[in-house]
């Protein structure tokens, strides 16, 4: 996989380069600001982009806005946002279901190991959706009434769905049966007025469709 990295912190940027190369990927470019990200993607036509949210020149949401622009310019480009916080203004827009290209939003301090990160990037590059459950929770807080319909357990299941977990994986994580997980999922979609879907990826997209 050919990847372009955008991260203003030099040590983290170089660390990501070394990590991805160690797992067999090619880093076509590693840049430190949003304009350079746009230029690098135009030049190298990578398979995926890994970008921070806050970057020069304003250290606000330049990386996320650049990601949105890249999704518009290059519909087949997979984008993984790697950030320290949830930028709610543009996050829901970035995560909207659309053309089928992979998309992800992970929080740096919640990534447990390097394999977890690389696996997430691989899933995004393959067209999947990977979203940290904390991102889902913060976005859902913007829609208080629907979230209030969910029980605490259903909210927990929803967060795991957003990670792309299977029913079996959720059951193992929560120490319940798969039948119980299936019931929770049916309740979630019913309470959020969303139709059940066939697999984890579509379930995540259904949740993100609602967040629009």
Protein backbone atom coordinates (compact mmCIF):
# COMPACT_ATOMS: atom_id res chain seq x y z
CA UNK A 1 0.00 0.00 0.00
CA UNK A 2 1.20 3.52 -0.84
CA UNK A 3 0.52 6.00 1.95
CA UNK A 4 0.86 9.75 2.46
CA UNK A 5 1.27 10.89 6.07
CA UNK A 6 0.40 14.37 7.36
CA UNK A 7 1.53 15.12 10.91
CA UNK A 8 3.15 18.32 12.17
CA UNK A 9 4.98 16.68 15.11
CA UNK A 10 8.29 15.58 13.60
CA UNK A 11 8.97 12.68 15.96
CA UNK A 12 5.50 11.22 15.53
CA UNK A 13 5.63 11.71 11.77
CA UNK A 14 8.94 9.89 11.47
CA UNK A 15 7.69 7.22 13.84
CA UNK A 16 4.67 6.59 11.61
CA UNK A 17 6.93 6.36 8.56
CA UNK A 18 9.11 3.74 10.23
CA UNK A 19 6.12 1.81 11.54
CA UNK A 20 4.33 1.57 8.20
CA UNK A 21 7.51 0.65 6.36
CA UNK A 22 8.20 -2.06 8.95
CA UNK A 23 4.82 -3.60 8.08
CA UNK A 24 5.60 -3.58 4.36
CA UNK A 25 3.87 -0.38 3.25
CA UNK A 26 5.41 2.38 1.13
CA UNK A 27 5.30 5.93 2.46
CA UNK A 28 5.17 8.08 -0.67
CA UNK A 29 5.41 11.32 1.31
CA UNK A 30 5.40 12.55 4.91
CA UNK A 31 4.44 16.19 5.34
CA UNK A 32 3.75 18.62 8.17
CA UNK A 33 0.91 20.86 7.02
CA UNK A 34 -2.40 20.78 5.16
CA UNK A 35 -1.30 22.51 1.90
CA UNK A 36 1.60 20.05 1.62
CA UNK A 37 -0.83 17.16 2.17
CA UNK A 38 -3.03 18.27 -0.71
CA UNK A 39 0.02 18.68 -2.95
CA UNK A 40 1.50 15.30 -1.97
CA UNK A 41 -1.72 13.43 -2.74
CA UNK A 42 -1.99 15.17 -6.11
CA UNK A 43 1.60 14.23 -6.92
CA UNK A 44 1.82 10.68 -5.59
CA UNK A 45 -1.77 9.39 -5.91
CA UNK A 46 -1.52 7.14 -2.82
CA UNK A 47 -3.90 4.39 -1.78
CA UNK A 48 -4.43 5.93 1.64
CA UNK A 49 -3.80 9.05 3.71
CA UNK A 50 -3.08 9.22 7.44
CA UNK A 51 -3.61 12.74 8.74
CA UNK A 52 -3.72 14.66 11.98
CA UNK A 53 -6.47 17.23 12.60
CA UNK A 54 -4.56 20.22 13.99
CA UNK A 55 -1.76 21.32 11.70
CA UNK A 56 -0.11 24.53 10.48
CA UNK A 57 -0.75 27.24 9.67
CA UNK A 58 -3.59 27.76 12.16
CA UNK A 59 -3.36 24.61 14.32
CA UNK A 60 -7.16 24.38 14.33
CA UNK A 61 -8.85 21.89 11.98
CA UNK A 62 -6.71 22.24 8.86
CA UNK A 63 -5.98 18.53 8.59
CA UNK A 64 -9.63 17.54 8.83
CA UNK A 65 -10.71 20.15 6.29
CA UNK A 66 -7.95 18.92 3.98
CA UNK A 67 -9.27 15.37 4.41
CA UNK A 68 -12.74 16.53 3.37
CA UNK A 69 -11.28 18.23 0.31
CA UNK A 70 -9.32 15.11 -0.58
CA UNK A 71 -12.46 12.96 -0.33
CA UNK A 72 -14.11 15.30 -2.80
CA UNK A 73 -11.17 15.45 -5.20
CA UNK A 74 -10.25 11.76 -4.98
CA UNK A 75 -13.37 9.67 -4.25
CA UNK A 76 -11.42 6.40 -4.16
CA UNK A 77 -8.87 7.63 -1.62
CA UNK A 78 -8.95 5.96 1.79
CA UNK A 79 -8.53 8.43 4.67
CA UNK A 80 -7.59 7.67 8.27
CA UNK A 81 -7.73 10.60 10.69
CA UNK A 82 -5.43 10.19 13.69
CA UNK A 83 -6.04 12.83 16.33
CA UNK A 84 -5.83 13.68 20.01
CA UNK A 85 -9.42 14.90 20.14
CA UNK A 86 -12.76 14.84 18.33
CA UNK A 87 -13.33 17.83 16.03
CA UNK A 88 -17.12 17.70 15.97
CA UNK A 89 -17.71 20.43 13.39
CA UNK A 90 -16.36 18.42 10.47
CA UNK A 91 -16.07 14.88 11.86
CA UNK A 92 -19.66 13.84 11.12
CA UNK A 93 -19.36 15.27 7.60
CA UNK A 94 -16.12 13.37 6.99
CA UNK A 95 -17.68 10.13 8.19
CA UNK A 96 -20.80 10.36 6.06
CA UNK A 97 -21.54 7.29 3.95
CA UNK A 98 -20.73 8.04 0.37
CA UNK A 99 -18.68 6.53 -2.40
CA UNK A 100 -17.48 3.38 -0.66
CA UNK A 101 -13.90 4.54 -0.08
CA UNK A 102 -12.60 3.59 3.36
CA UNK A 103 -12.68 6.09 6.19
CA UNK A 104 -11.49 6.07 9.78
CA UNK A 105 -11.17 8.33 12.81
CA UNK A 106 -8.95 7.15 15.68
CA UNK A 107 -7.80 8.89 18.85
CA UNK A 108 -4.05 8.74 19.40
CA UNK A 109 -4.13 8.09 23.14
CA UNK A 110 -6.63 5.23 22.78
CA UNK A 111 -4.58 3.08 20.39
CA UNK A 112 -3.36 0.16 22.45
CA UNK A 113 -0.63 -1.21 20.19
CA UNK A 114 0.96 -0.70 16.79
CA UNK A 115 -0.68 -3.78 15.28
CA UNK A 116 -4.09 -2.36 16.18
CA UNK A 117 -3.24 0.82 14.27
CA UNK A 118 -1.85 -0.99 11.22
CA UNK A 119 -4.85 -3.34 11.13
CA UNK A 120 -7.15 -0.32 11.24
CA UNK A 121 -5.32 1.28 8.33
CA UNK A 122 -5.53 -1.96 6.36
CA UNK A 123 -9.29 -2.13 6.92
CA UNK A 124 -9.75 1.48 5.83
CA UNK A 125 -7.62 0.92 2.72
CA UNK A 126 -9.81 -2.09 1.89
CA UNK A 127 -12.90 0.12 1.94
CA UNK A 128 -13.92 -0.36 5.56
CA UNK A 129 -14.94 2.07 8.26
CA UNK A 130 -13.06 2.25 11.56
CA UNK A 131 -14.20 4.73 14.20
CA UNK A 132 -13.09 5.01 17.81
CA UNK A 133 -16.13 4.50 20.06
CA UNK A 134 -15.33 7.73 21.89
CA UNK A 135 -15.74 9.58 18.58
CA UNK A 136 -19.18 8.02 18.19
CA UNK A 137 -20.14 8.93 21.75
CA UNK A 138 -19.13 12.56 21.34
CA UNK A 139 -20.94 12.89 18.04
CA UNK A 140 -24.04 11.25 19.45
CA UNK A 141 -24.10 13.77 22.30
CA UNK A 142 -25.01 16.34 19.68
CA UNK A 143 -28.27 14.42 19.19
CA UNK A 144 -29.38 14.13 22.82
CA UNK A 145 -32.92 12.87 22.33
CA UNK A 146 -32.09 9.79 20.23
CA UNK A 147 -29.15 8.85 22.46
CA UNK A 148 -31.37 9.12 25.52
CA UNK A 149 -33.45 6.27 24.09
CA UNK A 150 -30.54 3.85 24.41
CA UNK A 151 -29.69 1.97 27.58
CA UNK A 152 -26.08 2.16 28.86
CA UNK A 153 -25.48 -1.36 27.52
CA UNK A 154 -26.87 -0.41 24.11
CA UNK A 155 -24.60 2.63 24.02
CA UNK A 156 -21.67 0.35 24.80
CA UNK A 157 -22.66 -2.02 22.00
CA UNK A 158 -23.04 0.93 19.63
CA UNK A 159 -19.47 1.99 20.37
CA UNK A 160 -18.21 -1.49 19.59
CA UNK A 161 -20.26 -1.61 16.37
CA UNK A 162 -18.51 1.59 15.30
CA UNK A 163 -15.17 -0.17 15.71
CA UNK A 164 -16.29 -2.67 13.08
CA UNK A 165 -16.59 -5.51 15.61
CA UNK A 166 -18.48 -8.67 14.72
CA UNK A 167 -21.28 -9.97 16.94
CA UNK A 168 -18.94 -12.66 18.24
CA UNK A 169 -16.26 -10.10 19.09
CA UNK A 170 -18.77 -7.87 20.89
CA UNK A 171 -20.11 -10.84 22.84
CA UNK A 172 -16.59 -11.77 23.93
CA UNK A 173 -15.79 -8.18 24.93
CA UNK A 174 -18.97 -7.81 27.01
CA UNK A 175 -19.09 -11.39 28.34
CA UNK A 176 -22.56 -12.03 26.93
CA UNK A 177 -24.00 -14.40 24.33
CA UNK A 178 -24.18 -13.60 20.63
CA UNK A 179 -27.96 -13.83 20.90
CA UNK A 180 -27.90 -11.06 23.50
CA UNK A 181 -25.72 -8.93 21.23
CA UNK A 182 -28.09 -9.46 18.31
CA UNK A 183 -30.99 -8.33 20.50
CA UNK A 184 -29.11 -5.20 21.60
CA UNK A 185 -28.29 -4.36 17.97
CA UNK A 186 -31.91 -4.79 16.90
CA UNK A 187 -32.97 -2.48 19.73
CA UNK A 188 -30.37 0.13 18.77
CA UNK A 189 -31.52 0.33 15.17
CA UNK A 190 -35.15 0.37 16.20
CA UNK A 191 -34.63 3.20 18.72
CA UNK A 192 -32.54 5.22 16.24
CA UNK A 193 -35.03 4.56 13.45
CA UNK A 194 -32.35 2.82 11.39
CA UNK A 195 -32.90 -0.38 9.40
CA UNK A 196 -30.82 -3.42 10.40
CA UNK A 197 -27.95 -4.15 8.03
CA UNK A 198 -26.15 -7.25 6.90
CA UNK A 199 -22.66 -6.74 8.30
CA UNK A 200 -20.53 -4.67 10.66
CA UNK A 201 -19.41 -2.21 8.00
CA UNK A 202 -22.96 -1.41 6.93
CA UNK A 203 -24.00 -1.09 10.55
CA UNK A 204 -21.30 1.52 11.14
CA UNK A 205 -22.38 3.39 8.01
CA UNK A 206 -25.97 3.31 9.20
CA UNK A 207 -24.94 4.93 12.48
CA UNK A 208 -22.90 7.55 10.65
CA UNK A 209 -25.75 8.15 8.22
CA UNK A 210 -27.90 9.01 11.20
CA UNK A 211 -25.23 11.43 12.49
CA UNK A 212 -25.61 13.55 9.38
